[in-house]
Protein backbone atom coordinates (compact mmCIF):
# COMPACT_ATOMS: atom_id res chain seq x y z
CA MET A 1 -0.37 -0.05 0.25
CA SER A 2 1.37 3.68 -0.87
CA PRO A 3 1.81 6.15 1.52
CA TYR A 4 -1.07 8.04 -0.02
CA GLU A 5 -3.49 5.19 0.24
CA GLU A 6 -2.45 5.27 3.85
CA VAL A 7 -3.35 8.60 4.44
CA ILE A 8 -6.28 8.88 2.74
CA LEU A 9 -7.69 5.05 4.83
CA ASP A 10 -6.45 6.42 7.79
CA HIS A 11 -8.56 9.59 7.61
CA TRP A 12 -11.39 8.13 6.36
CA ARG A 13 -11.99 5.58 8.60
CA ASN A 14 -11.23 7.63 11.63
CA PRO A 15 -11.99 11.18 10.61
CA ARG A 16 -10.22 13.97 12.78
CA ASN A 17 -12.36 16.74 13.75
CA LYS A 18 -16.15 15.64 11.86
CA GLY A 19 -18.96 17.02 13.60
CA ARG A 20 -20.64 19.87 14.32
CA LEU A 21 -19.65 23.88 16.00
CA ALA A 22 -22.45 25.04 18.44
CA ASP A 23 -21.75 28.30 16.91
CA PRO A 24 -19.06 28.55 14.37
CA ASP A 25 -17.92 31.74 13.37
CA LEU A 26 -16.99 30.84 9.62
CA VAL A 27 -18.98 28.62 7.51
CA GLY A 28 -17.98 27.17 3.69
CA VAL A 29 -19.89 24.51 1.66
CA GLU A 30 -19.36 23.33 -1.46
CA VAL A 31 -20.53 20.54 -3.85
CA ASN A 32 -19.52 18.57 -6.20
CA PRO A 33 -22.68 18.58 -8.46
CA LEU A 34 -20.71 15.54 -10.90
CA CYS A 35 -20.68 12.98 -8.34
CA GLY A 36 -22.44 14.21 -5.23
CA ASP A 37 -19.24 14.60 -2.55
CA ALA A 38 -20.49 17.60 -0.16
CA VAL A 39 -18.01 19.27 2.51
CA ARG A 40 -19.43 21.52 5.22
CA LEU A 41 -16.20 23.36 7.02
CA GLU A 42 -17.19 25.55 10.28
CA LEU A 43 -14.62 27.18 12.08
CA LYS A 44 -13.71 29.07 15.18
CA VAL A 45 -11.58 32.21 15.18
CA ALA A 46 -10.58 34.42 18.18
CA GLU A 47 -7.87 36.81 17.23
CA GLY A 48 -7.35 36.50 13.75
CA LYS A 49 -6.08 32.50 14.25
CA VAL A 50 -8.64 29.00 13.97
CA THR A 51 -9.04 27.68 17.63
CA ASP A 52 -11.40 24.84 16.54
CA VAL A 53 -12.75 23.29 13.32
CA ARG A 54 -14.98 20.39 12.07
CA PHE A 55 -16.12 19.18 8.98
CA ASP A 56 -19.04 17.49 7.79
CA GLY A 57 -20.25 15.62 4.76
CA GLU A 58 -20.56 12.76 2.35
CA GLY A 59 -18.60 11.75 -0.25
CA CYS A 60 -15.96 9.04 -1.19
CA ALA A 61 -13.38 8.31 0.33
CA ILE A 62 -10.55 10.74 -0.57
CA SER A 63 -13.24 13.79 -0.01
CA GLN A 64 -14.21 12.74 3.30
CA ALA A 65 -10.42 12.13 4.27
CA ALA A 66 -8.87 15.26 2.84
CA ALA A 67 -11.45 17.20 4.69
CA SER A 68 -10.76 15.64 8.24
CA LEU A 69 -6.74 16.47 7.24
CA LEU A 70 -7.35 19.76 6.29
CA THR A 71 -9.25 20.76 9.88
CA GLU A 72 -5.45 19.14 11.39
CA LEU A 73 -4.17 21.91 8.69
CA VAL A 74 -5.87 24.86 9.34
CA LYS A 75 -6.02 24.35 13.74
CA GLY A 76 -4.18 27.21 15.16
CA ARG A 77 -3.42 29.05 12.08
CA THR A 78 -4.43 32.58 10.82
CA LEU A 79 -6.46 33.51 8.69
CA GLU A 80 -4.19 35.02 6.24
CA GLU A 81 -2.11 32.32 6.46
CA LEU A 82 -5.35 30.55 5.14
CA ARG A 83 -5.83 33.28 2.68
CA THR A 84 -2.38 31.88 0.85
CA MET A 85 -2.78 27.94 1.16
CA GLY A 86 -1.86 26.53 -2.33
CA ASP A 87 -3.41 23.27 -3.57
CA GLU A 88 -0.06 21.89 -3.17
CA GLU A 89 -0.40 22.21 0.40
CA LEU A 90 -3.19 19.52 1.10
CA LEU A 91 -2.33 17.56 -1.81
CA SER A 92 1.28 16.66 -0.32
CA ALA A 93 -0.54 16.58 2.81
CA LEU A 94 -2.17 13.70 1.39
CA GLY A 95 0.90 12.25 -0.19
CA GLY A 96 -0.20 13.23 -3.87
CA VAL A 97 -3.37 12.70 -5.84
CA ILE A 98 -3.79 10.89 -9.65
CA GLN A 99 -4.96 13.53 -11.94
CA THR A 100 -8.84 12.07 -12.21
CA ARG A 101 -9.69 12.51 -8.25
CA LEU A 102 -8.14 16.16 -7.63
CA ASN A 103 -11.57 17.93 -7.53
CA CYS A 104 -12.55 15.19 -4.52
CA ALA A 105 -8.87 16.06 -3.11
CA LEU A 106 -9.73 19.91 -3.24
CA LEU A 107 -13.12 20.03 -2.58
CA PRO A 108 -12.72 20.76 1.26
CA LEU A 109 -10.16 23.42 0.63
CA ARG A 110 -12.83 24.90 -1.68
CA ALA A 111 -15.32 25.14 1.28
CA LEU A 112 -12.42 26.76 3.47
CA ARG A 113 -11.89 29.36 0.76
CA ARG A 114 -15.29 29.86 0.60
CA ALA A 115 -15.67 30.22 4.41
CA LEU A 116 -12.70 32.91 4.33
CA GLN A 117 -14.64 35.28 1.63
CA ASN A 118 -17.10 35.49 4.52
CA SER A 119 -14.49 36.78 7.37
CA PRO A 120 -13.25 40.36 7.54
CA ALA A 121 -10.06 41.38 5.88
């Protein structure tokens, strides 16, 4: 099994930060209409930093595992850092993703970007 497969399976079988926050400060939702995958990302923010994060959704192992992994990547970071977060950071943390599954892997990052659109500059 490749490291990529191990990361995906671990986060899919044992998702981190899955669920909902009682009163999130920022929310981003993205859906891939081609396959039906959906990710909702909720963030609590204090003094410009993410203090807590949760995701919810449904879909393939890649989209859900990527959402789980993304929650670990964003917690404790500033909103400014997250605004400059590129696709490669998530893809690299996943161990790489084949071209045909990029939309699945990047769905949670698109949800994060949508949430950040609703935040103060």
